[in-house]
Amino acid sequence: MNKLEERINEILAKEDWTFADLQNMNKLVDKIARQILEELSCEDKLDKLVWDLPVSDSETFGLLYDRLCLSEMSTIVVKAIQSSLMEAKVIFENREENRNEISKRSMGGKPSEKCTTDEASNSEE
């Protein structure tokens, strides 16, 4: 017997039922079902009650749920990316001011003391 069946039996055993209570089976079932649903977490409701129920010939509730979640998450991601792109700045590397850029090291600074410009002393000519 699973936990849900055990809980149903607990509810049935702890109350004193009249014949009239038991005659109206729909009302009794509804009362017990609502009581147990209130006790279950959302995760338990999904997992124990509806996750594996077929909703079509080829799909269970779990597959439908996953597909719907992925669809909604994709919509949220698309909106976030679109919003970010609408505020983004685009800088083109080919702009005229960047084309003739000269590095700071080649701007006529002092030569390095480690390297001399007199190459003749090292040359065999």
PDB file of N, CA and C in Angstrom:
ATOM      1  N   MET A   1       0.857  -1.180   0.000  1.00  0.00           N
ATOM      2  CA  MET A   1       0.000   0.000   0.000  1.00  0.00           C
ATOM      3  C   MET A   1       0.903   1.242   0.000  1.00  0.00           C
ATOM      4  N   ASN A   2       0.598   2.188  -0.898  1.00  0.00           N
ATOM      5  CA  ASN A   2       1.415   3.402  -0.948  1.00  0.00           C
ATOM      6  C   ASN A   2       0.968   4.412   0.117  1.00  0.00           C
ATOM      7  N   LYS A   3       1.739   5.491   0.220  1.00  0.00           N
ATOM      8  CA  LYS A   3       1.486   6.481   1.284  1.00  0.00           C
ATOM      9  C   LYS A   3       0.110   7.148   1.159  1.00  0.00           C
ATOM     10  N   LEU A   4      -0.309   7.397  -0.064  1.00  0.00           N
ATOM     11  CA  LEU A   4      -1.621   8.032  -0.249  1.00  0.00           C
ATOM     12  C   LEU A   4      -2.739   7.108   0.233  1.00  0.00           C
ATOM     13  N   GLU A   5      -2.643   5.846  -0.100  1.00  0.00           N
ATOM     14  CA  GLU A   5      -3.663   4.893   0.350  1.00  0.00           C
ATOM     15  C   GLU A   5      -3.647   4.760   1.878  1.00  0.00           C
ATOM     16  N   GLU A   6      -2.435   4.780   2.449  1.00  0.00           N
ATOM     17  CA  GLU A   6      -2.326   4.735   3.914  1.00  0.00           C
ATOM     18  C   GLU A   6      -3.000   5.950   4.540  1.00  0.00           C
ATOM     19  N   ARG A   7      -2.788   7.118   3.948  1.00  0.00           N
ATOM     20  CA  ARG A   7      -3.393   8.346   4.477  1.00  0.00           C
ATOM     21  C   ARG A   7      -4.920   8.299   4.363  1.00  0.00           C
ATOM     22  N   ILE A   8      -5.415   7.798   3.259  1.00  0.00           N
ATOM     23  CA  ILE A   8      -6.870   7.664   3.087  1.00  0.00           C
ATOM     24  C   ILE A   8      -7.438   6.750   4.172  1.00  0.00           C
ATOM     25  N   ASN A   9      -6.776   5.637   4.420  1.00  0.00           N
ATOM     26  CA  ASN A   9      -7.244   4.707   5.462  1.00  0.00           C
ATOM     27  C   ASN A   9      -7.186   5.334   6.853  1.00  0.00           C
ATOM     28  N   GLU A  10      -6.175   6.160   7.099  1.00  0.00           N
ATOM     29  CA  GLU A  10      -6.085   6.873   8.388  1.00  0.00           C
ATOM     30  C   GLU A  10      -7.284   7.798   8.567  1.00  0.00           C
ATOM     31  N   ILE A  11      -7.610   8.544   7.526  1.00  0.00           N
ATOM     32  CA  ILE A  11      -8.746   9.475   7.598  1.00  0.00           C
ATOM     33  C   ILE A  11     -10.042   8.704   7.829  1.00  0.00           C
ATOM     34  N   LEU A  12     -10.224   7.622   7.104  1.00  0.00           N
ATOM     35  CA  LEU A  12     -11.439   6.814   7.268  1.00  0.00           C
ATOM     36  C   LEU A  12     -11.541   6.227   8.674  1.00  0.00           C
ATOM     37  N   ALA A  13     -10.394   5.788   9.225  1.00  0.00           N
ATOM     38  CA  ALA A  13     -10.394   5.119  10.531  1.00  0.00           C
ATOM     39  C   ALA A  13     -10.574   6.091  11.692  1.00  0.00           C
ATOM     40  N   LYS A  14     -10.125   7.326  11.552  1.00  0.00           N
ATOM     41  CA  LYS A  14     -10.162   8.234  12.703  1.00  0.00           C
ATOM     42  C   LYS A  14     -11.513   8.931  12.889  1.00  0.00           C
ATOM     43  N   GLU A  15     -12.368   8.919  11.887  1.00  0.00           N
ATOM     44  CA  GLU A  15     -13.674   9.576  12.036  1.00  0.00           C
ATOM     45  C   GLU A  15     -14.778   8.549  12.250  1.00  0.00           C
ATOM     46  N   ASP A  16     -15.802   9.002  12.903  1.00  0.00           N
ATOM     47  CA  ASP A  16     -17.010   8.173  13.053  1.00  0.00           C
ATOM     48  C   ASP A  16     -17.954   8.550  11.919  1.00  0.00           C
ATOM     49  N   TRP A  17     -18.175   7.612  11.031  1.00  0.00           N
ATOM     50  CA  TRP A  17     -19.001   7.867   9.866  1.00  0.00           C
ATOM     51  C   TRP A  17     -20.416   7.329  10.106  1.00  0.00           C
ATOM     52  N   THR A  18     -21.366   8.115   9.693  1.00  0.00           N
ATOM     53  CA  THR A  18     -22.753   7.643   9.752  1.00  0.00           C
ATOM     54  C   THR A  18     -23.091   6.961   8.434  1.00  0.00           C
ATOM     55  N   PHE A  19     -24.165   6.224   8.447  1.00  0.00           N
ATOM     56  CA  PHE A  19     -24.625   5.590   7.219  1.00  0.00           C
ATOM     57  C   PHE A  19     -24.926   6.654   6.160  1.00  0.00           C
ATOM     58  N   ALA A  20     -25.469   7.777   6.580  1.00  0.00           N
ATOM     59  CA  ALA A  20     -25.788   8.871   5.657  1.00  0.00           C
ATOM     60  C   ALA A  20     -24.500   9.425   5.012  1.00  0.00           C
ATOM     61  N   ASP A  21     -23.423   9.541   5.816  1.00  0.00           N
ATOM     62  CA  ASP A  21     -22.134  10.014   5.271  1.00  0.00           C
ATOM     63  C   ASP A  21     -21.649   9.081   4.168  1.00  0.00           C
ATOM     64  N   LEU A  22     -21.759   7.796   4.428  1.00  0.00           N
ATOM     65  CA  LEU A  22     -21.255   6.809   3.479  1.00  0.00           C
ATOM     66  C   LEU A  22     -22.160   6.638   2.271  1.00  0.00           C
ATOM     67  N   GLN A  23     -23.436   7.017   2.406  1.00  0.00           N
ATOM     68  CA  GLN A  23     -24.368   6.929   1.277  1.00  0.00           C
ATOM     69  C   GLN A  23     -24.033   7.962   0.209  1.00  0.00           C
ATOM     70  N   ASN A  24     -23.599   9.126   0.636  1.00  0.00           N
ATOM     71  CA  ASN A  24     -23.248  10.171  -0.328  1.00  0.00           C
ATOM     72  C   ASN A  24     -21.750  10.054  -0.654  1.00  0.00           C
ATOM     73  N   MET A  25     -21.429   9.065  -1.479  1.00  0.00           N
ATOM     74  CA  MET A  25     -20.049   8.727  -1.787  1.00  0.00           C
ATOM     75  C   MET A  25     -19.308   9.882  -2.470  1.00  0.00           C
ATOM     76  N   ASN A  26     -19.963  10.612  -3.366  1.00  0.00           N
ATOM     77  CA  ASN A  26     -19.305  11.728  -4.057  1.00  0.00           C
ATOM     78  C   ASN A  26     -18.830  12.790  -3.073  1.00  0.00           C
ATOM     79  N   LYS A  27     -19.682  13.109  -2.114  1.00  0.00           N
ATOM     80  CA  LYS A  27     -19.330  14.116  -1.116  1.00  0.00           C
ATOM     81  C   LYS A  27     -18.184  13.618  -0.231  1.00  0.00           C
ATOM     82  N   LEU A  28     -18.213  12.363   0.141  1.00  0.00           N
ATOM     83  CA  LEU A  28     -17.166  11.773   0.971  1.00  0.00           C
ATOM     84  C   LEU A  28     -15.821  11.759   0.238  1.00  0.00           C
ATOM     85  N   VAL A  29     -15.845  11.326  -0.997  1.00  0.00           N
ATOM     86  CA  VAL A  29     -14.618  11.291  -1.815  1.00  0.00           C
ATOM     87  C   VAL A  29     -14.055  12.693  -1.978  1.00  0.00           C
ATOM     88  N   ASP A  30     -14.911  13.659  -2.279  1.00  0.00           N
ATOM     89  CA  ASP A  30     -14.471  15.041  -2.458  1.00  0.00           C
ATOM     90  C   ASP A  30     -13.836  15.587  -1.176  1.00  0.00           C
ATOM     91  N   LYS A  31     -14.454  15.308  -0.036  1.00  0.00           N
ATOM     92  CA  LYS A  31     -13.945  15.795   1.249  1.00  0.00           C
ATOM     93  C   LYS A  31     -12.553  15.228   1.542  1.00  0.00           C
ATOM     94  N   ILE A  32     -12.393  13.926   1.367  1.00  0.00           N
ATOM     95  CA  ILE A  32     -11.099  13.290   1.643  1.00  0.00           C
ATOM     96  C   ILE A  32     -10.042  13.748   0.630  1.00  0.00           C
ATOM     97  N   ALA A  33     -10.417  13.825  -0.625  1.00  0.00           N
ATOM     98  CA  ALA A  33      -9.480  14.258  -1.671  1.00  0.00           C
ATOM     99  C   ALA A  33      -8.986  15.674  -1.403  1.00  0.00           C
ATOM    100  N   ARG A  34      -9.883  16.579  -1.044  1.00  0.00           N
ATOM    101  CA  ARG A  34      -9.469  17.967  -0.746  1.00  0.00           C
ATOM    102  C   ARG A  34      -8.557  18.026   0.480  1.00  0.00           C
ATOM    103  N   GLN A  35      -8.862  17.227   1.477  1.00  0.00           N
ATOM    104  CA  GLN A  35      -8.036  17.209   2.684  1.00  0.00           C
ATOM    105  C   GLN A  35      -6.613  16.748   2.361  1.00  0.00           C
ATOM    106  N   ILE A  36      -6.504  15.693   1.593  1.00  0.00           N
ATOM    107  CA  ILE A  36      -5.173  15.175   1.244  1.00  0.00           C
ATOM    108  C   ILE A  36      -4.432  16.150   0.330  1.00  0.00           C
ATOM    109  N   LEU A  37      -5.126  16.763  -0.611  1.00  0.00           N
ATOM    110  CA  LEU A  37      -4.485  17.740  -1.498  1.00  0.00           C
ATOM    111  C   LEU A  37      -3.907  18.915  -0.716  1.00  0.00           C
ATOM    112  N   GLU A  38      -4.602  19.350   0.318  1.00  0.00           N
ATOM    113  CA  GLU A  38      -4.101  20.441   1.154  1.00  0.00           C
ATOM    114  C   GLU A  38      -2.830  20.047   1.894  1.00  0.00           C
ATOM    115  N   GLU A  39      -2.679  18.767   2.181  1.00  0.00           N
ATOM    116  CA  GLU A  39      -1.510  18.280   2.912  1.00  0.00           C
ATOM    117  C   GLU A  39      -0.291  18.073   2.013  1.00  0.00           C
ATOM    118  N   LEU A  40      -0.513  17.905   0.727  1.00  0.00           N
ATOM    119  CA  LEU A  40       0.581  17.612  -0.198  1.00  0.00           C
ATOM    120  C   LEU A  40       1.273  18.882  -0.667  1.00  0.00           C
ATOM    121  N   SER A  41       2.585  18.793  -0.869  1.00  0.00           N
ATOM    122  CA  SER A  41       3.329  19.901  -1.466  1.00  0.00           C
ATOM    123  C   SER A  41       3.065  19.905  -2.975  1.00  0.00           C
ATOM    124  N   CYS A  42       3.410  20.989  -3.623  1.00  0.00           N
ATOM    125  CA  CYS A  42       3.244  21.065  -5.089  1.00  0.00           C
ATOM    126  C   CYS A  42       4.051  19.965  -5.777  1.00  0.00           C
ATOM    127  N   GLU A  43       5.255  19.733  -5.275  1.00  0.00           N
ATOM    128  CA  GLU A  43       6.106  18.697  -5.865  1.00  0.00           C
ATOM    129  C   GLU A  43       5.447  17.327  -5.747  1.00  0.00           C
ATOM    130  N   ASP A  44       4.879  17.026  -4.583  1.00  0.00           N
ATOM    131  CA  ASP A  44       4.200  15.743  -4.400  1.00  0.00           C
ATOM    132  C   ASP A  44       2.957  15.636  -5.282  1.00  0.00           C
ATOM    133  N   LYS A  45       2.226  16.725  -5.439  1.00  0.00           N
ATOM    134  CA  LYS A  45       1.048  16.696  -6.309  1.00  0.00           C
ATOM    135  C   LYS A  45       1.453  16.340  -7.736  1.00  0.00           C
ATOM    136  N   LEU A  46       2.519  16.989  -8.209  1.00  0.00           N
ATOM    137  CA  LEU A  46       2.986  16.691  -9.561  1.00  0.00           C
ATOM    138  C   LEU A  46       3.503  15.265  -9.667  1.00  0.00           C
ATOM    139  N   ASP A  47       4.399  14.910  -8.751  1.00  0.00           N
ATOM    140  CA  ASP A  47       5.083  13.620  -8.828  1.00  0.00           C
ATOM    141  C   ASP A  47       4.141  12.437  -8.599  1.00  0.00           C
ATOM    142  N   LYS A  48       3.314  12.515  -7.581  1.00  0.00           N
ATOM    143  CA  LYS A  48       2.494  11.368  -7.189  1.00  0.00           C
ATOM    144  C   LYS A  48       1.150  11.291  -7.904  1.00  0.00           C
ATOM    145  N   LEU A  49       0.677  12.416  -8.406  1.00  0.00           N
ATOM    146  CA  LEU A  49      -0.678  12.413  -8.961  1.00  0.00           C
ATOM    147  C   LEU A  49      -0.743  12.550 -10.482  1.00  0.00           C
ATOM    148  N   VAL A  50       0.000  13.480 -11.061  1.00  0.00           N
ATOM    149  CA  VAL A  50      -0.262  13.782 -12.468  1.00  0.00           C
ATOM    150  C   VAL A  50       0.927  13.641 -13.416  1.00  0.00           C
ATOM    151  N   TRP A  51       2.141  13.505 -12.914  1.00  0.00           N
ATOM    152  CA  TRP A  51       3.327  13.546 -13.783  1.00  0.00           C
ATOM    153  C   TRP A  51       3.265  12.504 -14.900  1.00  0.00           C
ATOM    154  N   ASP A  52       2.886  11.287 -14.575  1.00  0.00           N
ATOM    155  CA  ASP A  52       2.893  10.209 -15.564  1.00  0.00           C
ATOM    156  C   ASP A  52       1.545   9.982 -16.249  1.00  0.00           C
ATOM    157  N   LEU A  53       0.577  10.839 -15.985  1.00  0.00           N
ATOM    158  CA  LEU A  53      -0.738  10.686 -16.629  1.00  0.00           C
ATOM    159  C   LEU A  53      -0.645  11.033 -18.118  1.00  0.00           C
ATOM    160  N   PRO A  54      -1.237  10.217 -18.962  1.00  0.00           N
ATOM    161  CA  PRO A  54      -1.239  10.554 -20.392  1.00  0.00           C
ATOM    162  C   PRO A  54      -2.202  11.712 -20.671  1.00  0.00           C
ATOM    163  N   VAL A  55      -1.728  12.654 -21.487  1.00  0.00           N
ATOM    164  CA  VAL A  55      -2.599  13.758 -21.906  1.00  0.00           C
ATOM    165  C   VAL A  55      -2.957  13.628 -23.383  1.00  0.00           C
ATOM    166  N   SER A  56      -2.245  12.751 -24.073  1.00  0.00           N
ATOM    167  CA  SER A  56      -2.560  12.417 -25.459  1.00  0.00           C
ATOM    168  C   SER A  56      -2.009  11.015 -25.712  1.00  0.00           C
ATOM    169  N   ASP A  57      -2.136  10.541 -26.935  1.00  0.00           N
ATOM    170  CA  ASP A  57      -1.646   9.194 -27.254  1.00  0.00           C
ATOM    171  C   ASP A  57      -0.137   9.070 -27.109  1.00  0.00           C
ATOM    172  N   SER A  58       0.586  10.170 -27.314  1.00  0.00           N
ATOM    173  CA  SER A  58       2.047  10.087 -27.326  1.00  0.00           C
ATOM    174  C   SER A  58       2.727  10.940 -26.259  1.00  0.00           C
ATOM    175  N   GLU A  59       1.945  11.522 -25.357  1.00  0.00           N
ATOM    176  CA  GLU A  59       2.555  12.463 -24.417  1.00  0.00           C
ATOM    177  C   GLU A  59       1.945  12.335 -23.025  1.00  0.00           C
ATOM    178  N   THR A  60       2.829  12.384 -22.021  1.00  0.00           N
ATOM    179  CA  THR A  60       2.363  12.402 -20.636  1.00  0.00           C
ATOM    180  C   THR A  60       2.329  13.845 -20.158  1.00  0.00           C
ATOM    181  N   PHE A  61       1.732  14.048 -18.998  1.00  0.00           N
ATOM    182  CA  PHE A  61       1.697  15.387 -18.425  1.00  0.00           C
ATOM    183  C   PHE A  61       3.117  15.896 -18.193  1.00  0.00           C
ATOM    184  N   GLY A  62       4.012  15.018 -17.727  1.00  0.00           N
ATOM    185  CA  GLY A  62       5.398  15.414 -17.472  1.00  0.00           C
ATOM    186  C   GLY A  62       6.082  15.939 -18.720  1.00  0.00           C
ATOM    187  N   LEU A  63       5.894  15.257 -19.845  1.00  0.00           N
ATOM    188  CA  LEU A  63       6.492  15.721 -21.102  1.00  0.00           C
ATOM    189  C   LEU A  63       5.882  17.044 -21.544  1.00  0.00           C
ATOM    190  N   LEU A  64       4.566  17.161 -21.410  1.00  0.00           N
ATOM    191  CA  LEU A  64       3.891  18.418 -21.750  1.00  0.00           C
ATOM    192  C   LEU A  64       4.400  19.550 -20.863  1.00  0.00           C
ATOM    193  N   TYR A  65       4.512  19.274 -19.571  1.00  0.00           N
ATOM    194  CA  TYR A  65       5.001  20.265 -18.601  1.00  0.00           C
ATOM    195  C   TYR A  65       6.413  20.733 -18.964  1.00  0.00           C
ATOM    196  N   ASP A  66       7.304  19.781 -19.258  1.00  0.00           N
ATOM    197  CA  ASP A  66       8.671  20.129 -19.642  1.00  0.00           C
ATOM    198  C   ASP A  66       8.701  20.974 -20.910  1.00  0.00           C
ATOM    199  N   ARG A  67       7.885  20.583 -21.887  1.00  0.00           N
ATOM    200  CA  ARG A  67       7.834  21.321 -23.147  1.00  0.00           C
ATOM    201  C   ARG A  67       7.330  22.748 -22.936  1.00  0.00           C
ATOM    202  N   LEU A  68       6.295  22.893 -22.100  1.00  0.00           N
ATOM    203  CA  LEU A  68       5.760  24.228 -21.819  1.00  0.00           C
ATOM    204  C   LEU A  68       6.769  25.085 -21.050  1.00  0.00           C
ATOM    205  N   CYS A  69       7.453  24.476 -20.085  1.00  0.00           N
ATOM    206  CA  CYS A  69       8.475  25.212 -19.322  1.00  0.00           C
ATOM    207  C   CYS A  69       9.599  25.685 -20.233  1.00  0.00           C
ATOM    208  N   LEU A  70      10.076  24.814 -21.125  1.00  0.00           N
ATOM    209  CA  LEU A  70      11.138  25.189 -22.046  1.00  0.00           C
ATOM    210  C   LEU A  70      10.678  26.309 -22.974  1.00  0.00           C
ATOM    211  N   SER A  71       9.447  26.221 -23.439  1.00  0.00           N
ATOM    212  CA  SER A  71       8.904  27.259 -24.314  1.00  0.00           C
ATOM    213  C   SER A  71       8.841  28.611 -23.603  1.00  0.00           C
ATOM    214  N   GLU A  72       8.341  28.617 -22.369  1.00  0.00           N
ATOM    215  CA  GLU A  72       8.246  29.868 -21.609  1.00  0.00           C
ATOM    216  C   GLU A  72       9.628  30.424 -21.274  1.00  0.00           C
ATOM    217  N   MET A  73      10.570  29.545 -20.899  1.00  0.00           N
ATOM    218  CA  MET A  73      11.918  29.996 -20.584  1.00  0.00           C
ATOM    219  C   MET A  73      12.598  30.564 -21.824  1.00  0.00           C
ATOM    220  N   SER A  74      12.385  29.949 -22.971  1.00  0.00           N
ATOM    221  CA  SER A  74      12.941  30.463 -24.227  1.00  0.00           C
ATOM    222  C   SER A  74      12.398  31.856 -24.533  1.00  0.00           C
ATOM    223  N   THR A  75      11.121  32.066 -24.288  1.00  0.00           N
ATOM    224  CA  THR A  75      10.517  33.385 -24.496  1.00  0.00           C
ATOM    225  C   THR A  75      11.163  34.433 -23.591  1.00  0.00           C
ATOM    226  N   ILE A  76      11.394  34.074 -22.336  1.00  0.00           N
ATOM    227  CA  ILE A  76      12.028  34.997 -21.387  1.00  0.00           C
ATOM    228  C   ILE A  76      13.456  35.316 -21.821  1.00  0.00           C
ATOM    229  N   VAL A  77      14.198  34.298 -22.279  1.00  0.00           N
ATOM    230  CA  VAL A  77      15.579  34.501 -22.735  1.00  0.00           C
ATOM    231  C   VAL A  77      15.608  35.396 -23.965  1.00  0.00           C
ATOM    232  N   VAL A  78      14.709  35.158 -24.910  1.00  0.00           N
ATOM    233  CA  VAL A  78      14.644  35.989 -26.121  1.00  0.00           C
ATOM    234  C   VAL A  78      14.393  37.449 -25.759  1.00  0.00           C
ATOM    235  N   LYS A  79      13.444  37.700 -24.864  1.00  0.00           N
ATOM    236  CA  LYS A  79      13.141  39.077 -24.461  1.00  0.00           C
ATOM    237  C   LYS A  79      14.342  39.732 -23.784  1.00  0.00           C
ATOM    238  N   ALA A  80      15.050  38.985 -22.940  1.00  0.00           N
ATOM    239  CA  ALA A  80      16.217  39.538 -22.252  1.00  0.00           C
ATOM    240  C   ALA A  80      17.331  39.865 -23.243  1.00  0.00           C
ATOM    241  N   ILE A  81      17.563  38.973 -24.203  1.00  0.00           N
ATOM    242  CA  ILE A  81      18.598  39.221 -25.213  1.00  0.00           C
ATOM    243  C   ILE A  81      18.219  40.413 -26.077  1.00  0.00           C
ATOM    244  N   GLN A  82      16.964  40.478 -26.504  1.00  0.00           N
ATOM    245  CA  GLN A  82      16.518  41.613 -27.313  1.00  0.00           C
ATOM    246  C   GLN A  82      16.685  42.916 -26.554  1.00  0.00           C
ATOM    247  N   SER A  83      16.333  42.930 -25.283  1.00  0.00           N
ATOM    248  CA  SER A  83      16.469  44.133 -24.471  1.00  0.00           C
ATOM    249  C   SER A  83      17.933  44.545 -24.364  1.00  0.00           C
ATOM    250  N   SER A  84      18.816  43.583 -24.144  1.00  0.00           N
ATOM    251  CA  SER A  84      20.246  43.874 -24.037  1.00  0.00           C
ATOM    252  C   SER A  84      20.792  44.395 -25.355  1.00  0.00           C
ATOM    253  N   LEU A  85      20.354  43.801 -26.452  1.00  0.00           N
ATOM    254  CA  LEU A  85      20.845  44.236 -27.755  1.00  0.00           C
ATOM    255  C   LEU A  85      20.326  45.621 -28.131  1.00  0.00           C
ATOM    256  N   MET A  86      19.138  45.973 -27.680  1.00  0.00           N
ATOM    257  CA  MET A  86      18.600  47.299 -27.982  1.00  0.00           C
ATOM    258  C   MET A  86      19.408  48.395 -27.292  1.00  0.00           C
ATOM    259  N   GLU A  87      20.057  48.061 -26.183  1.00  0.00           N
ATOM    260  CA  GLU A  87      20.840  49.043 -25.433  1.00  0.00           C
ATOM    261  C   GLU A  87      22.334  48.934 -25.714  1.00  0.00           C
ATOM    262  N   ALA A  88      22.739  47.970 -26.522  1.00  0.00           N
ATOM    263  CA  ALA A  88      24.167  47.732 -26.768  1.00  0.00           C
ATOM    264  C   ALA A  88      24.731  48.767 -27.738  1.00  0.00           C
ATOM    265  N   LYS A  89      26.017  49.086 -27.571  1.00  0.00           N
ATOM    266  CA  LYS A  89      26.733  49.949 -28.511  1.00  0.00           C
ATOM    267  C   LYS A  89      27.562  49.059 -29.415  1.00  0.00           C
ATOM    268  N   VAL A  90      27.562  49.395 -30.688  1.00  0.00           N
ATOM    269  CA  VAL A  90      28.344  48.644 -31.651  1.00  0.00           C
ATOM    270  C   VAL A  90      29.498  49.525 -32.082  1.00  0.00           C
ATOM    271  N   ILE A  91      30.728  49.014 -31.969  1.00  0.00           N
ATOM    272  CA  ILE A  91      31.916  49.752 -32.392  1.00  0.00           C
ATOM    273  C   ILE A  91      32.555  48.986 -33.533  1.00  0.00           C
ATOM    274  N   PHE A  92      32.652  49.625 -34.679  1.00  0.00           N
ATOM    275  CA  PHE A  92      33.239  48.990 -35.844  1.00  0.00           C
ATOM    276  C   PHE A  92      34.738  49.231 -35.838  1.00  0.00           C
ATOM    277  N   GLU A  93      35.513  48.192 -36.038  1.00  0.00           N
ATOM    278  CA  GLU A  93      36.970  48.282 -36.026  1.00  0.00           C
ATOM    279  C   GLU A  93      37.499  49.023 -37.242  1.00  0.00           C
ATOM    280  N   ASN A  94      36.749  49.161 -38.301  1.00  0.00           N
ATOM    281  CA  ASN A  94      37.203  49.765 -39.547  1.00  0.00           C
ATOM    282  C   ASN A  94      37.036  51.277 -39.579  1.00  0.00           C
ATOM    283  N   ARG A  95      36.658  51.863 -38.481  1.00  0.00           N
ATOM    284  CA  ARG A  95      36.439  53.312 -38.505  1.00  0.00           C
ATOM    285  C   ARG A  95      37.729  54.019 -38.868  1.00  0.00           C
ATOM    286  N   GLU A  96      37.644  55.147 -39.557  1.00  0.00           N
ATOM    287  CA  GLU A  96      38.791  55.895 -40.061  1.00  0.00           C
ATOM    288  C   GLU A  96      39.778  56.227 -38.951  1.00  0.00           C
ATOM    289  N   GLU A  97      39.286  56.614 -37.789  1.00  0.00           N
ATOM    290  CA  GLU A  97      40.180  56.993 -36.699  1.00  0.00           C
ATOM    291  C   GLU A  97      40.981  55.817 -36.161  1.00  0.00           C
ATOM    292  N   ASN A  98      40.492  54.627 -36.319  1.00  0.00           N
ATOM    293  CA  ASN A  98      41.221  53.448 -35.854  1.00  0.00           C
ATOM    294  C   ASN A  98      42.191  52.915 -36.902  1.00  0.00           C
ATOM    295  N   ARG A  99      41.983  53.241 -38.167  1.00  0.00           N
ATOM    296  CA  ARG A  99      42.774  52.690 -39.252  1.00  0.00           C
ATOM    297  C   ARG A  99      44.230  53.155 -39.198  1.00  0.00           C
ATOM    298  N   ASN A 100      44.460  54.402 -38.866  1.00  0.00           N
ATOM    299  CA  ASN A 100      45.799  54.967 -38.869  1.00  0.00           C
ATOM    300  C   ASN A 100      46.357  55.093 -37.462  1.00  0.00           C
ATOM    301  N   GLU A 101      45.949  54.247 -36.593  1.00  0.00           N
ATOM    302  CA  GLU A 101      46.372  54.322 -35.201  1.00  0.00           C
ATOM    303  C   GLU A 101      47.842  53.933 -35.078  1.00  0.00           C
ATOM    304  N   ILE A 102      48.595  54.720 -34.298  1.00  0.00           N
ATOM    305  CA  ILE A 102      50.012  54.466 -34.078  1.00  0.00           C
ATOM    306  C   ILE A 102      50.187  54.176 -32.600  1.00  0.00           C
ATOM    307  N   SER A 103      50.971  53.148 -32.304  1.00  0.00           N
ATOM    308  CA  SER A 103      51.127  52.790 -30.907  1.00  0.00           C
ATOM    309  C   SER A 103      51.933  53.850 -30.173  1.00  0.00           C
ATOM    310  N   LYS A 104      51.744  53.951 -28.870  1.00  0.00           N
ATOM    311  CA  LYS A 104      52.429  54.951 -28.056  1.00  0.00           C
ATOM    312  C   LYS A 104      53.938  54.709 -28.022  1.00  0.00           C
ATOM    313  N   ARG A 105      54.374  53.478 -28.164  1.00  0.00           N
ATOM    314  CA  ARG A 105      55.800  53.157 -28.102  1.00  0.00           C
ATOM    315  C   ARG A 105      56.551  53.717 -29.303  1.00  0.00           C
ATOM    316  N   SER A 106      55.878  53.933 -30.412  1.00  0.00           N
ATOM    317  CA  SER A 106      56.569  54.414 -31.609  1.00  0.00           C
ATOM    318  C   SER A 106      56.391  55.914 -31.803  1.00  0.00           C
ATOM    319  N   MET A 107      56.105  56.646 -30.759  1.00  0.00           N
ATOM    320  CA  MET A 107      55.831  58.080 -30.889  1.00  0.00           C
ATOM    321  C   MET A 107      57.074  58.936 -30.626  1.00  0.00           C
ATOM    322  N   GLY A 108      58.284  58.406 -30.805  1.00  0.00           N
ATOM    323  CA  GLY A 108      59.483  59.226 -30.683  1.00  0.00           C
ATOM    324  C   GLY A 108      59.950  59.433 -29.261  1.00  0.00           C
ATOM    325  N   GLY A 109      59.728  58.477 -28.425  1.00  0.00           N
ATOM    326  CA  GLY A 109      60.208  58.559 -27.051  1.00  0.00           C
ATOM    327  C   GLY A 109      61.693  58.287 -26.991  1.00  0.00           C
ATOM    328  N   LYS A 110      62.270  58.312 -25.805  1.00  0.00           N
ATOM    329  CA  LYS A 110      63.694  58.055 -25.634  1.00  0.00           C
ATOM    330  C   LYS A 110      63.994  56.602 -25.954  1.00  0.00           C
ATOM    331  N   PRO A 111      65.134  56.346 -26.612  1.00  0.00           N
ATOM    332  CA  PRO A 111      65.481  54.968 -26.905  1.00  0.00           C
ATOM    333  C   PRO A 111      65.878  54.233 -25.621  1.00  0.00           C
ATOM    334  N   SER A 112      65.745  52.966 -25.646  1.00  0.00           N
ATOM    335  CA  SER A 112      66.094  52.155 -24.505  1.00  0.00           C
ATOM    336  C   SER A 112      67.592  52.177 -24.291  1.00  0.00           C
ATOM    337  N   GLU A 113      68.068  52.252 -23.053  1.00  0.00           N
ATOM    338  CA  GLU A 113      69.500  52.264 -22.759  1.00  0.00           C
ATOM    339  C   GLU A 113      70.104  50.886 -22.978  1.00  0.00           C
ATOM    340  N   LYS A 114      69.321  49.858 -22.911  1.00  0.00           N
ATOM    341  CA  LYS A 114      69.826  48.503 -23.100  1.00  0.00           C
ATOM    342  C   LYS A 114      70.165  48.232 -24.564  1.00  0.00           C
ATOM    343  N   CYS A 115      69.404  48.825 -25.446  1.00  0.00           N
ATOM    344  CA  CYS A 115      69.624  48.618 -26.874  1.00  0.00           C
ATOM    345  C   CYS A 115      70.227  49.881 -27.463  1.00  0.00           C
ATOM    346  N   THR A 116      71.306  49.734 -28.154  1.00  0.00           N
ATOM    347  CA  THR A 116      71.900  50.902 -28.824  1.00  0.00           C
ATOM    348  C   THR A 116      71.501  50.881 -30.272  1.00  0.00           C
ATOM    349  N   THR A 117      71.584  52.052 -30.900  1.00  0.00           N
ATOM    350  CA  THR A 117      71.238  52.134 -32.320  1.00  0.00           C
ATOM    351  C   THR A 117      72.465  51.977 -33.167  1.00  0.00           C
ATOM    352  N   ASP A 118      73.626  51.808 -32.580  1.00  0.00           N
ATOM    353  CA  ASP A 118      74.880  51.631 -33.319  1.00  0.00           C
ATOM    354  C   ASP A 118      75.067  50.170 -33.612  1.00  0.00           C
ATOM    355  N   GLU A 119      74.641  49.753 -34.778  1.00  0.00           N
ATOM    356  CA  GLU A 119      74.734  48.359 -35.140  1.00  0.00           C
ATOM    357  C   GLU A 119      76.044  48.023 -35.796  1.00  0.00           C
ATOM    358  N   ALA A 120      76.820  49.017 -36.187  1.00  0.00           N
ATOM    359  CA  ALA A 120      78.074  48.781 -36.920  1.00  0.00           C
ATOM    360  C   ALA A 120      79.064  48.021 -36.062  1.00  0.00           C
ATOM    361  N   SER A 121      79.068  48.234 -34.752  1.00  0.00           N
ATOM    362  CA  SER A 121      80.040  47.570 -33.897  1.00  0.00           C
ATOM    363  C   SER A 121      79.776  46.080 -33.794  1.00  0.00           C
ATOM    364  N   ASN A 122      78.581  45.681 -34.010  1.00  0.00           N
ATOM    365  CA  ASN A 122      78.229  44.268 -33.934  1.00  0.00           C
ATOM    366  C   ASN A 122      78.300  43.606 -35.306  1.00  0.00           C
ATOM    367  N   SER A 123      78.476  44.394 -36.344  1.00  0.00           N
ATOM    368  CA  SER A 123      78.423  43.893 -37.697  1.00  0.00           C
ATOM    369  C   SER A 123      79.788  43.384 -38.140  1.00  0.00           C
ATOM    370  N   GLU A 124      79.839  42.418 -39.005  1.00  0.00           N
ATOM    371  CA  GLU A 124      81.103  41.888 -39.511  1.00  0.00           C
ATOM    372  C   GLU A 124      81.566  42.634 -40.717  1.00  0.00           C
ATOM    373  N   GLU A 125      80.873  43.609 -41.229  1.00  0.00           N
ATOM    374  CA  GLU A 125      81.244  44.347 -42.418  1.00  0.00           C
ATOM    375  C   GLU A 125      82.346  45.307 -42.161  1.00  0.00           C
TER     376      GLU A 125
END
